[in-house]
C-alpha cells in the first residue's frame, strides 16, 4: 500500500482528501503546513501532494524542491487555487477546485510510472 504525505492548510479540503485517499488505499498522512512537512520528511513516503500557499516559512514550491532533493524519484503533485507557480519541482500541477477522483487518477498514474 503506497504511503502519501498530504500538505494542505485548509481544514475542510485537507480532511476530505485524507479520508478519500485513505479509503482508496493511499495510506495518507496529513499535515497543515510546509514547516510541519519538513519535520517529518525522515519518514518513508511513496508520494507527496502539497498545496502552494500555506502558513509558515515553507511554501509549496519550496517544499517541492526540498522533497525532490531528498526523494529524487518520488511523485509530487502541487495543487493551488491561485495558479501555477514557476520554479516548482512537482511532476504535476493541479488547479483547485478539482474532483478527488481526478487527483486519485493522477496519483495512481504517477505511482505506476515511478
PDB file of N, CA and C in Angstrom:
ATOM      1  N   UNK A   1       0.846  -1.176   0.000  1.00  0.00           N
ATOM      2  CA  UNK A   1       0.000   0.000   0.000  1.00  0.00           C
ATOM      3  C   UNK A   1       0.896   1.244   0.000  1.00  0.00           C
ATOM      4  N   UNK A   2       0.710   2.146  -0.977  1.00  0.00           N
ATOM      5  CA  UNK A   2       1.543   3.346  -1.038  1.00  0.00           C
ATOM      6  C   UNK A   2       1.266   4.299   0.122  1.00  0.00           C
ATOM      7  N   UNK A   3       2.301   4.976   0.578  1.00  0.00           N
ATOM      8  CA  UNK A   3       2.146   5.984   1.627  1.00  0.00           C
ATOM      9  C   UNK A   3       2.236   7.363   0.993  1.00  0.00           C
ATOM     10  N   UNK A   4       1.337   8.247   1.422  1.00  0.00           N
ATOM     11  CA  UNK A   4       1.229   9.570   0.823  1.00  0.00           C
ATOM     12  C   UNK A   4       1.297  10.632   1.905  1.00  0.00           C
ATOM     13  N   UNK A   5       2.098  11.672   1.669  1.00  0.00           N
ATOM     14  CA  UNK A   5       2.111  12.834   2.540  1.00  0.00           C
ATOM     15  C   UNK A   5       1.281  13.923   1.866  1.00  0.00           C
ATOM     16  N   UNK A   6       0.205  14.331   2.521  1.00  0.00           N
ATOM     17  CA  UNK A   6      -0.666  15.403   2.047  1.00  0.00           C
ATOM     18  C   UNK A   6      -0.377  16.644   2.873  1.00  0.00           C
ATOM     19  N   UNK A   7      -0.089  17.750   2.191  1.00  0.00           N
ATOM     20  CA  UNK A   7       0.192  19.017   2.864  1.00  0.00           C
ATOM     21  C   UNK A   7      -0.860  20.020   2.388  1.00  0.00           C
ATOM     22  N   UNK A   8      -1.814  20.323   3.275  1.00  0.00           N
ATOM     23  CA  UNK A   8      -2.941  21.201   2.930  1.00  0.00           C
ATOM     24  C   UNK A   8      -3.395  21.928   4.187  1.00  0.00           C
ATOM     25  N   UNK A   9      -3.371  23.267   4.137  1.00  0.00           N
ATOM     26  CA  UNK A   9      -3.728  24.045   5.325  1.00  0.00           C
ATOM     27  C   UNK A   9      -5.227  24.246   5.499  1.00  0.00           C
ATOM     28  N   UNK A  10      -5.984  24.104   4.438  1.00  0.00           N
ATOM     29  CA  UNK A  10      -7.426  24.339   4.542  1.00  0.00           C
ATOM     30  C   UNK A  10      -8.089  23.113   5.159  1.00  0.00           C
ATOM     31  N   UNK A  11      -8.679  23.294   6.327  1.00  0.00           N
ATOM     32  CA  UNK A  11      -9.201  22.195   7.150  1.00  0.00           C
ATOM     33  C   UNK A  11     -10.190  21.297   6.409  1.00  0.00           C
ATOM     34  N   UNK A  12     -11.177  21.897   5.774  1.00  0.00           N
ATOM     35  CA  UNK A  12     -12.219  21.107   5.119  1.00  0.00           C
ATOM     36  C   UNK A  12     -11.644  20.273   3.978  1.00  0.00           C
ATOM     37  N   UNK A  13     -10.857  20.900   3.123  1.00  0.00           N
ATOM     38  CA  UNK A  13     -10.264  20.183   1.987  1.00  0.00           C
ATOM     39  C   UNK A  13      -9.275  19.122   2.465  1.00  0.00           C
ATOM     40  N   UNK A  14      -8.430  19.464   3.423  1.00  0.00           N
ATOM     41  CA  UNK A  14      -7.459  18.505   3.936  1.00  0.00           C
ATOM     42  C   UNK A  14      -8.109  17.274   4.535  1.00  0.00           C
ATOM     43  N   UNK A  15      -9.141  17.488   5.355  1.00  0.00           N
ATOM     44  CA  UNK A  15      -9.840  16.362   5.991  1.00  0.00           C
ATOM     45  C   UNK A  15     -10.528  15.493   4.947  1.00  0.00           C
ATOM     46  N   UNK A  16     -11.156  16.130   3.957  1.00  0.00           N
ATOM     47  CA  UNK A  16     -11.849  15.377   2.913  1.00  0.00           C
ATOM     48  C   UNK A  16     -10.855  14.563   2.074  1.00  0.00           C
ATOM     49  N   UNK A  17      -9.744  15.188   1.668  1.00  0.00           N
ATOM     50  CA  UNK A  17      -8.761  14.476   0.857  1.00  0.00           C
ATOM     51  C   UNK A  17      -8.107  13.336   1.633  1.00  0.00           C
ATOM     52  N   UNK A  18      -7.796  13.557   2.899  1.00  0.00           N
ATOM     53  CA  UNK A  18      -7.204  12.488   3.702  1.00  0.00           C
ATOM     54  C   UNK A  18      -8.147  11.295   3.778  1.00  0.00           C
ATOM     55  N   UNK A  19      -9.392  11.561   4.082  1.00  0.00           N
ATOM     56  CA  UNK A  19     -10.387  10.488   4.192  1.00  0.00           C
ATOM     57  C   UNK A  19     -10.525   9.756   2.855  1.00  0.00           C
ATOM     58  N   UNK A  20     -10.604  10.503   1.775  1.00  0.00           N
ATOM     59  CA  UNK A  20     -10.748   9.922   0.446  1.00  0.00           C
ATOM     60  C   UNK A  20      -9.523   9.074   0.085  1.00  0.00           C
ATOM     61  N   UNK A  21      -8.330   9.629   0.286  1.00  0.00           N
ATOM     62  CA  UNK A  21      -7.113   8.893  -0.058  1.00  0.00           C
ATOM     63  C   UNK A  21      -6.955   7.644   0.799  1.00  0.00           C
ATOM     64  N   UNK A  22      -7.256   7.733   2.074  1.00  0.00           N
ATOM     65  CA  UNK A  22      -7.198   6.548   2.944  1.00  0.00           C
ATOM     66  C   UNK A  22      -8.166   5.468   2.466  1.00  0.00           C
ATOM     67  N   UNK A  23      -9.366   5.870   2.111  1.00  0.00           N
ATOM     68  CA  UNK A  23     -10.372   4.905   1.650  1.00  0.00           C
ATOM     69  C   UNK A  23      -9.968   4.226   0.348  1.00  0.00           C
ATOM     70  N   UNK A  24      -9.166   4.899  -0.457  1.00  0.00           N
ATOM     71  CA  UNK A  24      -8.756   4.323  -1.742  1.00  0.00           C
ATOM     72  C   UNK A  24      -7.409   3.615  -1.652  1.00  0.00           C
ATOM     73  N   UNK A  25      -6.893   3.443  -0.427  1.00  0.00           N
ATOM     74  CA  UNK A  25      -5.675   2.664  -0.230  1.00  0.00           C
ATOM     75  C   UNK A  25      -4.378   3.435  -0.342  1.00  0.00           C
ATOM     76  N   UNK A  26      -4.436   4.762  -0.239  1.00  0.00           N
ATOM     77  CA  UNK A  26      -3.227   5.578  -0.389  1.00  0.00           C
ATOM     78  C   UNK A  26      -2.515   5.860   0.939  1.00  0.00           C
ATOM     79  N   UNK A  27      -3.001   5.332   2.065  1.00  0.00           N
ATOM     80  CA  UNK A  27      -2.353   5.456   3.375  1.00  0.00           C
ATOM     81  C   UNK A  27      -1.789   6.867   3.596  1.00  0.00           C
ATOM     82  N   UNK A  28      -2.671   7.809   3.836  1.00  0.00           N
ATOM     83  CA  UNK A  28      -2.351   9.238   3.834  1.00  0.00           C
ATOM     84  C   UNK A  28      -2.012   9.786   5.223  1.00  0.00           C
ATOM     85  N   UNK A  29      -0.907  10.511   5.291  1.00  0.00           N
ATOM     86  CA  UNK A  29      -0.560  11.327   6.450  1.00  0.00           C
ATOM     87  C   UNK A  29      -0.820  12.773   6.053  1.00  0.00           C
ATOM     88  N   UNK A  30      -1.572  13.508   6.869  1.00  0.00           N
ATOM     89  CA  UNK A  30      -1.938  14.887   6.545  1.00  0.00           C
ATOM     90  C   UNK A  30      -1.304  15.848   7.536  1.00  0.00           C
ATOM     91  N   UNK A  31      -0.606  16.856   7.007  1.00  0.00           N
ATOM     92  CA  UNK A  31      -0.100  17.965   7.813  1.00  0.00           C
ATOM     93  C   UNK A  31      -0.612  19.261   7.195  1.00  0.00           C
ATOM     94  N   UNK A  32      -0.573  20.342   7.980  1.00  0.00           N
ATOM     95  CA  UNK A  32      -1.225  21.581   7.563  1.00  0.00           C
ATOM     96  C   UNK A  32      -0.272  22.691   7.138  1.00  0.00           C
ATOM     97  N   UNK A  33       1.028  22.393   7.047  1.00  0.00           N
ATOM     98  CA  UNK A  33       1.963  23.423   6.582  1.00  0.00           C
ATOM     99  C   UNK A  33       3.230  22.768   6.030  1.00  0.00           C
ATOM    100  N   UNK A  34       3.937  23.531   5.228  1.00  0.00           N
ATOM    101  CA  UNK A  34       5.220  23.064   4.735  1.00  0.00           C
ATOM    102  C   UNK A  34       6.216  22.880   5.859  1.00  0.00           C
ATOM    103  N   UNK A  35       6.121  23.731   6.877  1.00  0.00           N
ATOM    104  CA  UNK A  35       7.010  23.604   8.035  1.00  0.00           C
ATOM    105  C   UNK A  35       6.811  22.247   8.722  1.00  0.00           C
ATOM    106  N   UNK A  36       5.544  21.840   8.908  1.00  0.00           N
ATOM    107  CA  UNK A  36       5.254  20.541   9.514  1.00  0.00           C
ATOM    108  C   UNK A  36       5.755  19.407   8.617  1.00  0.00           C
ATOM    109  N   UNK A  37       5.573  19.557   7.317  1.00  0.00           N
ATOM    110  CA  UNK A  37       6.003  18.512   6.377  1.00  0.00           C
ATOM    111  C   UNK A  37       7.506  18.283   6.456  1.00  0.00           C
ATOM    112  N   UNK A  38       8.276  19.361   6.499  1.00  0.00           N
ATOM    113  CA  UNK A  38       9.741  19.248   6.560  1.00  0.00           C
ATOM    114  C   UNK A  38      10.167  18.458   7.801  1.00  0.00           C
ATOM    115  N   UNK A  39       9.448  18.642   8.896  1.00  0.00           N
ATOM    116  CA  UNK A  39       9.797  17.949  10.144  1.00  0.00           C
ATOM    117  C   UNK A  39       9.629  16.436  10.060  1.00  0.00           C
ATOM    118  N   UNK A  40       8.765  15.959   9.175  1.00  0.00           N
ATOM    119  CA  UNK A  40       8.537  14.508   9.107  1.00  0.00           C
ATOM    120  C   UNK A  40       9.058  13.887   7.814  1.00  0.00           C
ATOM    121  N   UNK A  41       9.892  14.598   7.085  1.00  0.00           N
ATOM    122  CA  UNK A  41      10.415  14.057   5.830  1.00  0.00           C
ATOM    123  C   UNK A  41      11.377  12.897   6.032  1.00  0.00           C
ATOM    124  N   UNK A  42      11.743  12.593   7.263  1.00  0.00           N
ATOM    125  CA  UNK A  42      12.563  11.410   7.503  1.00  0.00           C
ATOM    126  C   UNK A  42      11.726  10.141   7.428  1.00  0.00           C
ATOM    127  N   UNK A  43      10.399  10.287   7.522  1.00  0.00           N
ATOM    128  CA  UNK A  43       9.516   9.138   7.353  1.00  0.00           C
ATOM    129  C   UNK A  43       9.521   8.723   5.880  1.00  0.00           C
ATOM    130  N   UNK A  44       9.182   7.480   5.614  1.00  0.00           N
ATOM    131  CA  UNK A  44       9.134   6.975   4.249  1.00  0.00           C
ATOM    132  C   UNK A  44       7.784   7.294   3.626  1.00  0.00           C
ATOM    133  N   UNK A  45       7.796   7.993   2.527  1.00  0.00           N
ATOM    134  CA  UNK A  45       6.582   8.269   1.761  1.00  0.00           C
ATOM    135  C   UNK A  45       6.832   7.893   0.307  1.00  0.00           C
ATOM    136  N   UNK A  46       5.802   7.356  -0.330  1.00  0.00           N
ATOM    137  CA  UNK A  46       5.898   6.988  -1.740  1.00  0.00           C
ATOM    138  C   UNK A  46       5.463   8.118  -2.650  1.00  0.00           C
ATOM    139  N   UNK A  47       4.627   9.031  -2.128  1.00  0.00           N
ATOM    140  CA  UNK A  47       4.082  10.116  -2.926  1.00  0.00           C
ATOM    141  C   UNK A  47       3.832  11.333  -2.052  1.00  0.00           C
ATOM    142  N   UNK A  48       3.877  12.501  -2.690  1.00  0.00           N
ATOM    143  CA  UNK A  48       3.664  13.768  -1.991  1.00  0.00           C
ATOM    144  C   UNK A  48       2.629  14.592  -2.747  1.00  0.00           C
ATOM    145  N   UNK A  49       1.661  15.138  -2.006  1.00  0.00           N
ATOM    146  CA  UNK A  49       0.655  16.036  -2.567  1.00  0.00           C
ATOM    147  C   UNK A  49       0.660  17.276  -1.686  1.00  0.00           C
ATOM    148  N   UNK A  50       0.957  18.432  -2.287  1.00  0.00           N
ATOM    149  CA  UNK A  50       1.083  19.643  -1.476  1.00  0.00           C
ATOM    150  C   UNK A  50       0.365  20.834  -2.094  1.00  0.00           C
ATOM    151  N   UNK A  51      -0.166  21.653  -1.222  1.00  0.00           N
ATOM    152  CA  UNK A  51      -0.738  22.935  -1.600  1.00  0.00           C
ATOM    153  C   UNK A  51       0.420  23.897  -1.875  1.00  0.00           C
ATOM    154  N   UNK A  52       0.115  25.015  -2.491  1.00  0.00           N
ATOM    155  CA  UNK A  52       1.146  26.016  -2.777  1.00  0.00           C
ATOM    156  C   UNK A  52       1.222  27.067  -1.684  1.00  0.00           C
ATOM    157  N   UNK A  53       0.107  27.694  -1.390  1.00  0.00           N
ATOM    158  CA  UNK A  53       0.076  28.794  -0.425  1.00  0.00           C
ATOM    159  C   UNK A  53      -0.375  28.243   0.926  1.00  0.00           C
ATOM    160  N   UNK A  54       0.541  28.331   1.914  1.00  0.00           N
ATOM    161  CA  UNK A  54       0.277  27.802   3.255  1.00  0.00           C
ATOM    162  C   UNK A  54       0.910  28.721   4.283  1.00  0.00           C
ATOM    163  N   UNK A  55       0.464  28.622   5.531  1.00  0.00           N
ATOM    164  CA  UNK A  55       1.117  29.404   6.587  1.00  0.00           C
ATOM    165  C   UNK A  55       2.512  28.863   6.868  1.00  0.00           C
ATOM    166  N   UNK A  56       3.334  29.692   7.470  1.00  0.00           N
ATOM    167  CA  UNK A  56       4.682  29.263   7.827  1.00  0.00           C
ATOM    168  C   UNK A  56       5.718  29.736   6.826  1.00  0.00           C
ATOM    169  N   UNK A  57       6.939  29.273   7.023  1.00  0.00           N
ATOM    170  CA  UNK A  57       8.056  29.720   6.192  1.00  0.00           C
ATOM    171  C   UNK A  57       8.170  28.957   4.883  1.00  0.00           C
ATOM    172  N   UNK A  58       7.792  27.673   4.877  1.00  0.00           N
ATOM    173  CA  UNK A  58       7.996  26.824   3.702  1.00  0.00           C
ATOM    174  C   UNK A  58       6.709  26.769   2.875  1.00  0.00           C
ATOM    175  N   UNK A  59       6.762  27.406   1.705  1.00  0.00           N
ATOM    176  CA  UNK A  59       5.626  27.361   0.772  1.00  0.00           C
ATOM    177  C   UNK A  59       5.708  26.089  -0.069  1.00  0.00           C
ATOM    178  N   UNK A  60       4.648  25.810  -0.782  1.00  0.00           N
ATOM    179  CA  UNK A  60       4.585  24.587  -1.572  1.00  0.00           C
ATOM    180  C   UNK A  60       5.660  24.458  -2.627  1.00  0.00           C
ATOM    181  N   UNK A  61       5.977  25.556  -3.326  1.00  0.00           N
ATOM    182  CA  UNK A  61       7.006  25.472  -4.364  1.00  0.00           C
ATOM    183  C   UNK A  61       8.371  25.135  -3.756  1.00  0.00           C
ATOM    184  N   UNK A  62       8.688  25.735  -2.614  1.00  0.00           N
ATOM    185  CA  UNK A  62       9.943  25.412  -1.936  1.00  0.00           C
ATOM    186  C   UNK A  62       9.924  23.986  -1.399  1.00  0.00           C
ATOM    187  N   UNK A  63       8.773  23.561  -0.887  1.00  0.00           N
ATOM    188  CA  UNK A  63       8.653  22.200  -0.381  1.00  0.00           C
ATOM    189  C   UNK A  63       8.912  21.181  -1.491  1.00  0.00           C
ATOM    190  N   UNK A  64       8.440  21.457  -2.705  1.00  0.00           N
ATOM    191  CA  UNK A  64       8.698  20.514  -3.804  1.00  0.00           C
ATOM    192  C   UNK A  64      10.194  20.382  -4.072  1.00  0.00           C
ATOM    193  N   UNK A  65      10.932  21.468  -3.945  1.00  0.00           N
ATOM    194  CA  UNK A  65      12.396  21.404  -4.150  1.00  0.00           C
ATOM    195  C   UNK A  65      13.074  20.604  -3.035  1.00  0.00           C
ATOM    196  N   UNK A  66      12.610  20.782  -1.800  1.00  0.00           N
ATOM    197  CA  UNK A  66      13.166  20.034  -0.661  1.00  0.00           C
ATOM    198  C   UNK A  66      12.881  18.537  -0.831  1.00  0.00           C
ATOM    199  N   UNK A  67      11.640  18.209  -1.195  1.00  0.00           N
ATOM    200  CA  UNK A  67      11.262  16.809  -1.397  1.00  0.00           C
ATOM    201  C   UNK A  67      12.079  16.199  -2.530  1.00  0.00           C
ATOM    202  N   UNK A  68      12.184  16.907  -3.639  1.00  0.00           N
ATOM    203  CA  UNK A  68      12.908  16.390  -4.815  1.00  0.00           C
ATOM    204  C   UNK A  68      14.369  16.113  -4.481  1.00  0.00           C
ATOM    205  N   UNK A  69      14.983  16.963  -3.659  1.00  0.00           N
ATOM    206  CA  UNK A  69      16.380  16.752  -3.271  1.00  0.00           C
ATOM    207  C   UNK A  69      16.521  15.496  -2.403  1.00  0.00           C
ATOM    208  N   UNK A  70      15.544  15.239  -1.556  1.00  0.00           N
ATOM    209  CA  UNK A  70      15.617  14.100  -0.630  1.00  0.00           C
ATOM    210  C   UNK A  70      15.100  12.808  -1.258  1.00  0.00           C
ATOM    211  N   UNK A  71      14.063  12.914  -2.082  1.00  0.00           N
ATOM    212  CA  UNK A  71      13.439  11.755  -2.734  1.00  0.00           C
ATOM    213  C   UNK A  71      13.363  12.027  -4.238  1.00  0.00           C
ATOM    214  N   UNK A  72      14.460  11.882  -4.958  1.00  0.00           N
ATOM    215  CA  UNK A  72      14.501  12.298  -6.364  1.00  0.00           C
ATOM    216  C   UNK A  72      13.490  11.601  -7.279  1.00  0.00           C
ATOM    217  N   UNK A  73      13.079  10.397  -6.928  1.00  0.00           N
ATOM    218  CA  UNK A  73      12.173   9.656  -7.804  1.00  0.00           C
ATOM    219  C   UNK A  73      10.724   9.646  -7.329  1.00  0.00           C
ATOM    220  N   UNK A  74      10.442  10.253  -6.192  1.00  0.00           N
ATOM    221  CA  UNK A  74       9.081  10.228  -5.647  1.00  0.00           C
ATOM    222  C   UNK A  74       8.163  11.159  -6.433  1.00  0.00           C
ATOM    223  N   UNK A  75       6.954  10.700  -6.735  1.00  0.00           N
ATOM    224  CA  UNK A  75       5.992  11.561  -7.413  1.00  0.00           C
ATOM    225  C   UNK A  75       5.520  12.698  -6.493  1.00  0.00           C
ATOM    226  N   UNK A  76       5.399  13.891  -7.084  1.00  0.00           N
ATOM    227  CA  UNK A  76       4.935  15.063  -6.346  1.00  0.00           C
ATOM    228  C   UNK A  76       3.822  15.731  -7.151  1.00  0.00           C
ATOM    229  N   UNK A  77       2.707  15.998  -6.478  1.00  0.00           N
ATOM    230  CA  UNK A  77       1.610  16.753  -7.073  1.00  0.00           C
ATOM    231  C   UNK A  77       1.509  18.074  -6.314  1.00  0.00           C
ATOM    232  N   UNK A  78       1.523  19.175  -7.050  1.00  0.00           N
ATOM    233  CA  UNK A  78       1.379  20.508  -6.468  1.00  0.00           C
ATOM    234  C   UNK A  78      -0.003  21.035  -6.842  1.00  0.00           C
ATOM    235  N   UNK A  79      -0.767  21.481  -5.845  1.00  0.00           N
ATOM    236  CA  UNK A  79      -2.097  21.998  -6.113  1.00  0.00           C
ATOM    237  C   UNK A  79      -2.212  23.447  -5.633  1.00  0.00           C
ATOM    238  N   UNK A  80      -3.035  24.225  -6.346  1.00  0.00           N
ATOM    239  CA  UNK A  80      -3.189  25.627  -5.974  1.00  0.00           C
ATOM    240  C   UNK A  80      -4.469  26.199  -6.552  1.00  0.00           C
ATOM    241  N   UNK A  81      -5.047  27.110  -5.807  1.00  0.00           N
ATOM    242  CA  UNK A  81      -6.201  27.854  -6.287  1.00  0.00           C
ATOM    243  C   UNK A  81      -5.803  29.201  -6.848  1.00  0.00           C
ATOM    244  N   UNK A  82      -4.499  29.517  -6.824  1.00  0.00           N
ATOM    245  CA  UNK A  82      -4.037  30.829  -7.276  1.00  0.00           C
ATOM    246  C   UNK A  82      -3.259  30.774  -8.580  1.00  0.00           C
ATOM    247  N   UNK A  83      -3.167  29.631  -9.203  1.00  0.00           N
ATOM    248  CA  UNK A  83      -2.420  29.495 -10.451  1.00  0.00           C
ATOM    249  C   UNK A  83      -1.071  28.857 -10.226  1.00  0.00           C
ATOM    250  N   UNK A  84      -0.503  28.370 -11.314  1.00  0.00           N
ATOM    251  CA  UNK A  84       0.774  27.667 -11.225  1.00  0.00           C
ATOM    252  C   UNK A  84       1.908  28.633 -10.897  1.00  0.00           C
ATOM    253  N   UNK A  85       2.819  28.174 -10.052  1.00  0.00           N
ATOM    254  CA  UNK A  85       3.951  28.986  -9.623  1.00  0.00           C
ATOM    255  C   UNK A  85       5.211  28.466 -10.323  1.00  0.00           C
ATOM    256  N   UNK A  86       5.941  29.335 -11.009  1.00  0.00           N
ATOM    257  CA  UNK A  86       7.160  28.878 -11.680  1.00  0.00           C
ATOM    258  C   UNK A  86       8.227  28.426 -10.690  1.00  0.00           C
ATOM    259  N   UNK A  87       9.062  27.506 -11.121  1.00  0.00           N
ATOM    260  CA  UNK A  87      10.192  27.081 -10.307  1.00  0.00           C
ATOM    261  C   UNK A  87       9.918  25.901  -9.405  1.00  0.00           C
ATOM    262  N   UNK A  88       8.708  25.358  -9.454  1.00  0.00           N
ATOM    263  CA  UNK A  88       8.439  24.201  -8.601  1.00  0.00           C
ATOM    264  C   UNK A  88       9.062  22.943  -9.200  1.00  0.00           C
ATOM    265  N   UNK A  89       9.163  21.907  -8.388  1.00  0.00           N
ATOM    266  CA  UNK A  89       9.767  20.641  -8.813  1.00  0.00           C
ATOM    267  C   UNK A  89       8.738  19.512  -8.857  1.00  0.00           C
ATOM    268  N   UNK A  90       7.458  19.857  -8.902  1.00  0.00           N
ATOM    269  CA  UNK A  90       6.404  18.845  -8.926  1.00  0.00           C
ATOM    270  C   UNK A  90       6.325  18.189 -10.293  1.00  0.00           C
ATOM    271  N   UNK A  91       5.820  16.963 -10.301  1.00  0.00           N
ATOM    272  CA  UNK A  91       5.584  16.258 -11.558  1.00  0.00           C
ATOM    273  C   UNK A  91       4.333  16.778 -12.244  1.00  0.00           C
ATOM    274  N   UNK A  92       3.341  17.151 -11.441  1.00  0.00           N
ATOM    275  CA  UNK A  92       2.054  17.583 -11.971  1.00  0.00           C
ATOM    276  C   UNK A  92       1.544  18.756 -11.152  1.00  0.00           C
ATOM    277  N   UNK A  93       0.957  19.728 -11.833  1.00  0.00           N
ATOM    278  CA  UNK A  93       0.280  20.843 -11.178  1.00  0.00           C
ATOM    279  C   UNK A  93      -1.226  20.644 -11.353  1.00  0.00           C
ATOM    280  N   UNK A  94      -1.987  20.804 -10.263  1.00  0.00           N
ATOM    281  CA  UNK A  94      -3.440  20.653 -10.293  1.00  0.00           C
ATOM    282  C   UNK A  94      -4.068  21.955  -9.803  1.00  0.00           C
ATOM    283  N   UNK A  95      -4.941  22.524 -10.622  1.00  0.00           N
ATOM    284  CA  UNK A  95      -5.637  23.749 -10.245  1.00  0.00           C
ATOM    285  C   UNK A  95      -6.870  23.405  -9.411  1.00  0.00           C
ATOM    286  N   UNK A  96      -7.045  24.131  -8.298  1.00  0.00           N
ATOM    287  CA  UNK A  96      -8.249  23.995  -7.485  1.00  0.00           C
ATOM    288  C   UNK A  96      -9.337  24.865  -8.094  1.00  0.00           C
ATOM    289  N   UNK A  97     -10.574  24.463  -8.044  1.00  0.00           N
ATOM    290  CA  UNK A  97     -11.069  23.213  -7.467  1.00  0.00           C
ATOM    291  C   UNK A  97     -10.865  22.056  -8.444  1.00  0.00           C
ATOM    292  N   UNK A  98     -10.836  20.848  -7.907  1.00  0.00           N
ATOM    293  CA  UNK A  98     -10.704  19.637  -8.708  1.00  0.00           C
ATOM    294  C   UNK A  98     -11.549  18.547  -8.071  1.00  0.00           C
ATOM    295  N   UNK A  99     -11.789  17.500  -8.824  1.00  0.00           N
ATOM    296  CA  UNK A  99     -12.528  16.355  -8.290  1.00  0.00           C
ATOM    297  C   UNK A  99     -11.547  15.388  -7.649  1.00  0.00           C
ATOM    298  N   UNK A 100     -11.863  14.873  -6.466  1.00  0.00           N
ATOM    299  CA  UNK A 100     -10.960  13.918  -5.813  1.00  0.00           C
ATOM    300  C   UNK A 100     -10.599  12.724  -6.703  1.00  0.00           C
ATOM    301  N   UNK A 101     -11.550  12.257  -7.516  1.00  0.00           N
ATOM    302  CA  UNK A 101     -11.262  11.131  -8.411  1.00  0.00           C
ATOM    303  C   UNK A 101     -10.204  11.505  -9.441  1.00  0.00           C
ATOM    304  N   UNK A 102     -10.201  12.753  -9.901  1.00  0.00           N
ATOM    305  CA  UNK A 102      -9.172  13.197 -10.848  1.00  0.00           C
ATOM    306  C   UNK A 102      -7.796  13.196 -10.178  1.00  0.00           C
ATOM    307  N   UNK A 103      -7.743  13.661  -8.933  1.00  0.00           N
ATOM    308  CA  UNK A 103      -6.485  13.649  -8.185  1.00  0.00           C
ATOM    309  C   UNK A 103      -6.004  12.221  -7.982  1.00  0.00           C
ATOM    310  N   UNK A 104      -6.914  11.330  -7.630  1.00  0.00           N
ATOM    311  CA  UNK A 104      -6.556   9.927  -7.438  1.00  0.00           C
ATOM    312  C   UNK A 104      -6.016   9.324  -8.728  1.00  0.00           C
ATOM    313  N   UNK A 105      -6.649   9.614  -9.845  1.00  0.00           N
ATOM    314  CA  UNK A 105      -6.174   9.107 -11.135  1.00  0.00           C
ATOM    315  C   UNK A 105      -4.759   9.564 -11.435  1.00  0.00           C
ATOM    316  N   UNK A 106      -4.476  10.847 -11.185  1.00  0.00           N
ATOM    317  CA  UNK A 106      -3.117  11.368 -11.374  1.00  0.00           C
ATOM    318  C   UNK A 106      -2.131  10.665 -10.448  1.00  0.00           C
ATOM    319  N   UNK A 107      -2.514  10.522  -9.192  1.00  0.00           N
ATOM    320  CA  UNK A 107      -1.638   9.883  -8.211  1.00  0.00           C
ATOM    321  C   UNK A 107      -1.322   8.449  -8.614  1.00  0.00           C
ATOM    322  N   UNK A 108      -2.336   7.705  -9.004  1.00  0.00           N
ATOM    323  CA  UNK A 108      -2.113   6.311  -9.395  1.00  0.00           C
ATOM    324  C   UNK A 108      -1.216   6.214 -10.624  1.00  0.00           C
ATOM    325  N   UNK A 109      -1.426   7.096 -11.600  1.00  0.00           N
ATOM    326  CA  UNK A 109      -0.601   7.101 -12.810  1.00  0.00           C
ATOM    327  C   UNK A 109       0.859   7.431 -12.468  1.00  0.00           C
ATOM    328  N   UNK A 110       1.074   8.418 -11.619  1.00  0.00           N
ATOM    329  CA  UNK A 110       2.437   8.778 -11.228  1.00  0.00           C
ATOM    330  C   UNK A 110       3.118   7.642 -10.456  1.00  0.00           C
ATOM    331  N   UNK A 111       2.382   6.984  -9.587  1.00  0.00           N
ATOM    332  CA  UNK A 111       2.963   5.866  -8.827  1.00  0.00           C
ATOM    333  C   UNK A 111       3.347   4.718  -9.758  1.00  0.00           C
ATOM    334  N   UNK A 112       2.543   4.460 -10.780  1.00  0.00           N
ATOM    335  CA  UNK A 112       2.880   3.396 -11.725  1.00  0.00           C
ATOM    336  C   UNK A 112       4.137   3.738 -12.524  1.00  0.00           C
ATOM    337  N   UNK A 113       4.335   5.014 -12.813  1.00  0.00           N
ATOM    338  CA  UNK A 113       5.492   5.459 -13.592  1.00  0.00           C
ATOM    339  C   UNK A 113       6.770   5.490 -12.771  1.00  0.00           C
ATOM    340  N   UNK A 114       6.640   5.580 -11.447  1.00  0.00           N
ATOM    341  CA  UNK A 114       7.840   5.716 -10.609  1.00  0.00           C
ATOM    342  C   UNK A 114       8.458   4.374 -10.275  1.00  0.00           C
TER     343      UNK A 114
END
